[in-house]
Amino acid sequence: QVQLVEFGGGLVQAGGSLRLSCAASGRTLTSYAMGWFRQAPGKDREFVATMSWPGGNTYYAGSVKGRFTISRDNAKNTVYLQMNSLKPEDTAVYYCATQYPIRRTIPTTTGEYDYWGQGTQVTVSS
C-alpha cells in the first residue's frame, strides 16, 4: 500500500529550527492529502499541518501558523515540515500521514487519515 518514514527529529534549543522529512513509497497516488501530527506524552495526537496533492493547498493549526511551513518535493515523493522559532511546548513525537483518496473537507483529525509513519521525536529545550 503506502509506507511513510519520517526523518529529521532531534534535540534543539528554544528559538531554534528543525526540518522534518517524510518519504512515501509503495502505491503511486494522484489526488490525496499529506498531514503532520504530533503527540506529547499523556496527550492526544494533535493536528499540525496538511497539504493537498496536486493542488498544493495548505492549512495550519493556529499554534504553529507563522512558525511552521509544510512543503513538498514531488520528484522525491517527500513532504517536509520546516519548524522555526521552536518552543518547549512543541516537544512531541511528530507523525506524517496520508489521506487517500482526498475528501472535500480539510483533514484535521486522525480519523481522516489512512496511512501513518512511525513517528520521530522532537525535543525543544528551554
N, C-alpha and C. Protein backbone atom coordinates (compact mmCIF):
# COMPACT_ATOMS: atom_id res chain seq x y z
N GLN A 1 0.86 -1.20 0.00
CA GLN A 1 0.00 0.00 0.00
C GLN A 1 0.89 1.23 0.00
N VAL A 2 0.84 2.02 1.09
CA VAL A 2 1.65 3.22 1.21
C VAL A 2 2.46 3.12 2.49
N GLN A 3 3.76 3.33 2.37
CA GLN A 3 4.65 3.34 3.51
C GLN A 3 5.21 4.74 3.70
N LEU A 4 5.25 5.20 4.94
CA LEU A 4 5.72 6.53 5.28
C LEU A 4 6.82 6.41 6.32
N VAL A 5 7.91 7.12 6.11
CA VAL A 5 9.03 7.11 7.04
C VAL A 5 9.45 8.55 7.32
N GLU A 6 9.46 8.93 8.60
CA GLU A 6 9.86 10.28 9.00
C GLU A 6 11.34 10.33 9.33
N PHE A 7 11.94 11.48 9.03
CA PHE A 7 13.33 11.73 9.36
C PHE A 7 13.46 13.15 9.89
N GLY A 8 14.51 13.42 10.64
CA GLY A 8 14.87 14.78 11.00
C GLY A 8 14.61 15.19 12.43
N GLY A 9 14.02 14.33 13.24
CA GLY A 9 13.80 14.68 14.62
C GLY A 9 15.10 14.79 15.39
N GLY A 10 15.01 15.43 16.55
CA GLY A 10 16.20 15.59 17.37
C GLY A 10 15.98 16.58 18.48
N LEU A 11 17.08 16.99 19.09
CA LEU A 11 17.08 17.93 20.20
C LEU A 11 17.51 19.30 19.71
N VAL A 12 16.75 20.32 20.06
CA VAL A 12 17.05 21.68 19.64
C VAL A 12 16.69 22.64 20.76
N GLN A 13 17.42 23.74 20.86
CA GLN A 13 17.12 24.75 21.87
C GLN A 13 15.95 25.62 21.45
N ALA A 14 15.25 26.17 22.43
CA ALA A 14 14.15 27.07 22.14
C ALA A 14 14.62 28.22 21.25
N GLY A 15 13.80 28.54 20.26
CA GLY A 15 14.15 29.56 19.29
C GLY A 15 14.85 29.02 18.07
N GLY A 16 15.26 27.77 18.11
CA GLY A 16 15.95 27.16 17.00
C GLY A 16 15.01 26.62 15.94
N SER A 17 15.60 25.95 14.96
CA SER A 17 14.85 25.43 13.82
C SER A 17 15.18 23.97 13.58
N LEU A 18 14.25 23.29 12.94
CA LEU A 18 14.41 21.90 12.60
C LEU A 18 13.54 21.61 11.38
N ARG A 19 14.01 20.74 10.50
CA ARG A 19 13.21 20.34 9.35
C ARG A 19 12.98 18.84 9.37
N LEU A 20 11.72 18.46 9.35
CA LEU A 20 11.33 17.07 9.29
C LEU A 20 11.02 16.68 7.86
N SER A 21 11.32 15.43 7.52
CA SER A 21 11.03 14.89 6.21
C SER A 21 10.18 13.64 6.35
N CYS A 22 9.33 13.42 5.38
CA CYS A 22 8.52 12.22 5.33
C CYS A 22 8.57 11.67 3.92
N ALA A 23 9.20 10.52 3.76
CA ALA A 23 9.34 9.89 2.46
C ALA A 23 8.26 8.84 2.27
N ALA A 24 7.56 8.92 1.16
CA ALA A 24 6.48 7.99 0.84
C ALA A 24 6.93 6.99 -0.21
N SER A 25 6.48 5.76 -0.06
CA SER A 25 6.78 4.72 -1.04
C SER A 25 5.59 3.79 -1.16
N GLY A 26 5.65 2.91 -2.15
CA GLY A 26 4.57 1.99 -2.39
C GLY A 26 3.71 2.45 -3.56
N ARG A 27 2.41 2.32 -3.40
CA ARG A 27 1.48 2.66 -4.47
C ARG A 27 1.57 4.13 -4.83
N THR A 28 1.60 4.41 -6.13
CA THR A 28 1.62 5.78 -6.61
C THR A 28 0.23 6.38 -6.49
N LEU A 29 0.15 7.53 -5.84
CA LEU A 29 -1.12 8.21 -5.63
C LEU A 29 -1.19 9.47 -6.46
N THR A 30 -2.40 9.92 -6.75
CA THR A 30 -2.58 11.13 -7.53
C THR A 30 -3.24 12.23 -6.71
N SER A 31 -4.52 12.08 -6.40
CA SER A 31 -5.24 13.08 -5.62
C SER A 31 -5.32 12.62 -4.16
N TYR A 32 -4.60 13.32 -3.28
CA TYR A 32 -4.51 12.90 -1.89
C TYR A 32 -4.06 14.07 -1.03
N ALA A 33 -3.99 13.84 0.26
CA ALA A 33 -3.52 14.85 1.19
C ALA A 33 -2.46 14.26 2.10
N MET A 34 -1.49 15.08 2.48
CA MET A 34 -0.49 14.71 3.46
C MET A 34 -0.64 15.59 4.69
N GLY A 35 -0.46 15.00 5.84
CA GLY A 35 -0.61 15.75 7.08
C GLY A 35 0.51 15.48 8.06
N TRP A 36 0.71 16.44 8.95
CA TRP A 36 1.63 16.29 10.07
C TRP A 36 0.85 16.41 11.37
N PHE A 37 1.09 15.48 12.28
CA PHE A 37 0.51 15.48 13.61
C PHE A 37 1.62 15.36 14.64
N ARG A 38 1.30 15.67 15.88
CA ARG A 38 2.26 15.48 16.95
C ARG A 38 1.54 15.00 18.20
N GLN A 39 2.28 14.30 19.04
CA GLN A 39 1.71 13.75 20.26
C GLN A 39 2.73 13.82 21.39
N ALA A 40 2.37 14.55 22.43
CA ALA A 40 3.18 14.64 23.63
C ALA A 40 2.76 13.55 24.60
N PRO A 41 3.63 13.15 25.53
CA PRO A 41 3.28 12.09 26.48
C PRO A 41 2.01 12.41 27.26
N GLY A 42 1.09 11.44 27.29
CA GLY A 42 -0.14 11.60 28.02
C GLY A 42 -1.18 12.47 27.36
N LYS A 43 -0.94 12.91 26.13
CA LYS A 43 -1.87 13.78 25.43
C LYS A 43 -2.34 13.15 24.13
N ASP A 44 -3.43 13.68 23.60
CA ASP A 44 -3.96 13.20 22.33
C ASP A 44 -3.07 13.64 21.18
N ARG A 45 -3.16 12.90 20.09
CA ARG A 45 -2.45 13.28 18.89
C ARG A 45 -3.08 14.55 18.32
N GLU A 46 -2.25 15.55 18.02
CA GLU A 46 -2.69 16.89 17.68
C GLU A 46 -2.34 17.23 16.24
N PHE A 47 -3.28 17.83 15.54
CA PHE A 47 -3.06 18.27 14.17
C PHE A 47 -2.06 19.41 14.11
N VAL A 48 -1.18 19.38 13.10
CA VAL A 48 -0.18 20.42 12.91
C VAL A 48 -0.37 21.13 11.58
N ALA A 49 -0.37 20.38 10.48
CA ALA A 49 -0.46 20.98 9.16
C ALA A 49 -0.86 19.94 8.14
N THR A 50 -1.40 20.39 7.01
CA THR A 50 -1.75 19.48 5.93
C THR A 50 -1.56 20.17 4.59
N MET A 51 -1.37 19.37 3.56
CA MET A 51 -1.16 19.86 2.21
C MET A 51 -1.79 18.89 1.23
N SER A 52 -2.44 19.42 0.20
CA SER A 52 -3.13 18.59 -0.78
C SER A 52 -2.28 18.38 -2.03
N TRP A 53 -2.51 17.25 -2.68
CA TRP A 53 -1.93 16.93 -3.99
C TRP A 53 -3.06 16.70 -4.96
N PRO A 54 -3.00 17.23 -6.17
CA PRO A 54 -1.89 18.02 -6.72
C PRO A 54 -2.01 19.52 -6.51
N GLY A 55 -3.07 20.00 -5.88
CA GLY A 55 -3.32 21.44 -5.78
C GLY A 55 -2.31 22.20 -4.95
N GLY A 56 -1.74 21.58 -3.91
CA GLY A 56 -0.78 22.26 -3.07
C GLY A 56 -1.38 23.20 -2.04
N ASN A 57 -2.66 23.07 -1.75
CA ASN A 57 -3.28 23.89 -0.73
C ASN A 57 -2.80 23.48 0.66
N THR A 58 -2.54 24.46 1.50
CA THR A 58 -2.03 24.20 2.84
C THR A 58 -2.96 24.74 3.91
N TYR A 59 -2.87 24.14 5.10
CA TYR A 59 -3.65 24.58 6.24
C TYR A 59 -2.87 24.23 7.50
N TYR A 60 -2.86 25.17 8.47
CA TYR A 60 -2.07 25.01 9.68
C TYR A 60 -2.90 25.16 10.93
N ALA A 61 -2.48 24.47 11.96
CA ALA A 61 -3.04 24.71 13.27
C ALA A 61 -2.63 26.10 13.76
N GLY A 62 -3.52 26.74 14.50
CA GLY A 62 -3.23 28.08 14.97
C GLY A 62 -1.97 28.18 15.82
N SER A 63 -1.64 27.10 16.52
CA SER A 63 -0.48 27.12 17.40
C SER A 63 0.85 27.15 16.66
N VAL A 64 0.85 26.80 15.38
CA VAL A 64 2.10 26.75 14.62
C VAL A 64 2.11 27.69 13.42
N LYS A 65 0.98 28.27 13.08
CA LYS A 65 0.91 29.14 11.91
C LYS A 65 1.87 30.32 12.07
N GLY A 66 2.63 30.57 11.02
CA GLY A 66 3.64 31.61 11.05
C GLY A 66 5.00 31.13 11.48
N ARG A 67 5.06 29.97 12.10
CA ARG A 67 6.33 29.38 12.53
C ARG A 67 6.71 28.14 11.73
N PHE A 68 5.72 27.34 11.37
CA PHE A 68 5.95 26.09 10.64
C PHE A 68 5.51 26.25 9.20
N THR A 69 6.18 25.53 8.31
CA THR A 69 5.83 25.53 6.89
C THR A 69 5.85 24.11 6.35
N ILE A 70 4.75 23.70 5.74
CA ILE A 70 4.70 22.40 5.08
C ILE A 70 4.99 22.60 3.60
N SER A 71 5.80 21.73 3.03
CA SER A 71 6.15 21.83 1.63
C SER A 71 6.36 20.44 1.06
N ARG A 72 6.61 20.37 -0.24
CA ARG A 72 6.73 19.07 -0.90
C ARG A 72 7.81 19.08 -1.96
N ASP A 73 8.32 17.92 -2.27
CA ASP A 73 9.21 17.67 -3.38
C ASP A 73 8.63 16.48 -4.12
N ASN A 74 7.92 16.76 -5.20
CA ASN A 74 7.22 15.69 -5.91
C ASN A 74 8.19 14.66 -6.50
N ALA A 75 9.33 15.12 -6.97
CA ALA A 75 10.29 14.21 -7.57
C ALA A 75 10.81 13.19 -6.57
N LYS A 76 10.88 13.57 -5.31
CA LYS A 76 11.38 12.68 -4.27
C LYS A 76 10.27 12.02 -3.46
N ASN A 77 9.02 12.29 -3.82
CA ASN A 77 7.88 11.77 -3.07
C ASN A 77 8.02 12.05 -1.58
N THR A 78 8.35 13.28 -1.27
CA THR A 78 8.67 13.68 0.09
C THR A 78 7.92 14.93 0.49
N VAL A 79 7.43 14.94 1.71
CA VAL A 79 6.82 16.13 2.29
C VAL A 79 7.68 16.58 3.46
N TYR A 80 7.80 17.90 3.64
CA TYR A 80 8.65 18.46 4.68
C TYR A 80 7.83 19.28 5.66
N LEU A 81 8.36 19.41 6.85
CA LEU A 81 7.82 20.33 7.83
C LEU A 81 8.99 21.15 8.37
N GLN A 82 9.08 22.40 7.92
CA GLN A 82 10.10 23.31 8.42
C GLN A 82 9.57 23.97 9.67
N MET A 83 10.28 23.82 10.79
CA MET A 83 9.85 24.33 12.07
C MET A 83 10.84 25.38 12.54
N ASN A 84 10.37 26.61 12.67
CA ASN A 84 11.18 27.72 13.13
C ASN A 84 10.64 28.26 14.45
N SER A 85 11.47 29.03 15.13
CA SER A 85 11.07 29.63 16.41
C SER A 85 10.47 28.60 17.35
N LEU A 86 11.14 27.49 17.50
CA LEU A 86 10.61 26.39 18.28
C LEU A 86 10.49 26.75 19.76
N LYS A 87 9.45 26.21 20.37
CA LYS A 87 9.16 26.43 21.78
C LYS A 87 9.16 25.09 22.51
N PRO A 88 9.38 25.10 23.82
CA PRO A 88 9.33 23.84 24.58
C PRO A 88 8.01 23.10 24.40
N GLU A 89 6.91 23.81 24.24
CA GLU A 89 5.62 23.17 24.05
C GLU A 89 5.47 22.47 22.70
N ASP A 90 6.44 22.65 21.81
CA ASP A 90 6.46 21.91 20.56
C ASP A 90 7.02 20.51 20.72
N THR A 91 7.56 20.20 21.89
CA THR A 91 8.13 18.89 22.15
C THR A 91 7.07 17.80 22.01
N ALA A 92 7.33 16.82 21.16
CA ALA A 92 6.38 15.75 20.90
C ALA A 92 6.99 14.77 19.91
N VAL A 93 6.31 13.64 19.74
CA VAL A 93 6.59 12.76 18.62
C VAL A 93 5.79 13.26 17.43
N TYR A 94 6.45 13.49 16.32
CA TYR A 94 5.80 14.01 15.13
C TYR A 94 5.57 12.89 14.13
N TYR A 95 4.35 12.83 13.60
CA TYR A 95 3.95 11.80 12.65
C TYR A 95 3.51 12.43 11.34
N CYS A 96 3.84 11.80 10.24
CA CYS A 96 3.24 12.16 8.97
C CYS A 96 2.19 11.13 8.61
N ALA A 97 1.22 11.55 7.79
CA ALA A 97 0.11 10.68 7.45
C ALA A 97 -0.42 11.03 6.07
N THR A 98 -1.12 10.06 5.47
CA THR A 98 -1.69 10.23 4.13
C THR A 98 -3.19 9.97 4.17
N GLN A 99 -3.93 10.86 3.55
CA GLN A 99 -5.35 10.64 3.31
C GLN A 99 -5.51 10.30 1.84
N TYR A 100 -6.08 9.14 1.56
CA TYR A 100 -6.33 8.74 0.19
C TYR A 100 -7.57 7.88 0.13
N PRO A 101 -8.48 8.16 -0.81
CA PRO A 101 -8.48 9.33 -1.69
C PRO A 101 -8.83 10.61 -0.95
N ILE A 102 -8.47 11.73 -1.56
CA ILE A 102 -8.73 13.01 -0.92
C ILE A 102 -10.23 13.25 -0.81
N ARG A 103 -10.63 13.90 0.27
CA ARG A 103 -12.03 14.22 0.52
C ARG A 103 -12.25 15.73 0.48
N ARG A 104 -13.49 16.14 0.63
CA ARG A 104 -13.83 17.54 0.42
C ARG A 104 -13.36 18.45 1.55
N THR A 105 -13.41 17.97 2.76
CA THR A 105 -13.06 18.79 3.90
C THR A 105 -11.56 18.75 4.19
N ILE A 106 -11.07 19.81 4.80
CA ILE A 106 -9.67 19.85 5.20
C ILE A 106 -9.47 18.87 6.36
N PRO A 107 -8.59 17.89 6.21
CA PRO A 107 -8.44 16.85 7.24
C PRO A 107 -7.59 17.32 8.42
N THR A 108 -8.22 17.48 9.57
CA THR A 108 -7.52 17.94 10.76
C THR A 108 -7.63 16.97 11.93
N THR A 109 -8.19 15.78 11.70
CA THR A 109 -8.32 14.77 12.75
C THR A 109 -7.64 13.49 12.31
N THR A 110 -7.22 12.70 13.28
CA THR A 110 -6.51 11.47 12.98
C THR A 110 -7.36 10.49 12.19
N GLY A 111 -8.67 10.48 12.45
CA GLY A 111 -9.57 9.55 11.78
C GLY A 111 -9.73 9.81 10.30
N GLU A 112 -9.30 10.96 9.83
CA GLU A 112 -9.42 11.31 8.42
C GLU A 112 -8.22 10.86 7.59
N TYR A 113 -7.26 10.22 8.21
CA TYR A 113 -6.07 9.75 7.52
C TYR A 113 -6.03 8.23 7.49
N ASP A 114 -5.40 7.70 6.46
CA ASP A 114 -5.43 6.26 6.20
C ASP A 114 -4.10 5.56 6.43
N TYR A 115 -3.00 6.26 6.28
CA TYR A 115 -1.68 5.67 6.44
C TYR A 115 -0.84 6.56 7.34
N TRP A 116 0.00 5.94 8.17
CA TRP A 116 0.79 6.67 9.15
C TRP A 116 2.24 6.22 9.16
N GLY A 117 3.13 7.16 9.42
CA GLY A 117 4.51 6.83 9.66
C GLY A 117 4.74 6.42 11.10
N GLN A 118 5.97 6.07 11.42
CA GLN A 118 6.29 5.55 12.75
C GLN A 118 6.55 6.64 13.78
N GLY A 119 6.74 7.87 13.32
CA GLY A 119 6.98 8.98 14.21
C GLY A 119 8.45 9.28 14.42
N THR A 120 8.75 10.54 14.70
CA THR A 120 10.11 10.96 15.01
C THR A 120 10.06 11.96 16.16
N GLN A 121 10.96 11.79 17.12
CA GLN A 121 10.93 12.59 18.35
C GLN A 121 11.55 13.96 18.12
N VAL A 122 10.84 15.00 18.55
CA VAL A 122 11.35 16.36 18.55
C VAL A 122 11.33 16.86 19.99
N THR A 123 12.48 17.27 20.49
CA THR A 123 12.59 17.78 21.85
C THR A 123 13.17 19.19 21.81
N VAL A 124 12.46 20.13 22.41
CA VAL A 124 12.88 21.53 22.44
C VAL A 124 13.20 21.89 23.88
N SER A 125 14.42 22.25 24.15
CA SER A 125 14.85 22.59 25.49
C SER A 125 14.76 24.09 25.71
N SER A 126 14.51 24.49 26.95
CA SER A 126 14.41 25.89 27.30
C SER A 126 15.75 26.44 27.76
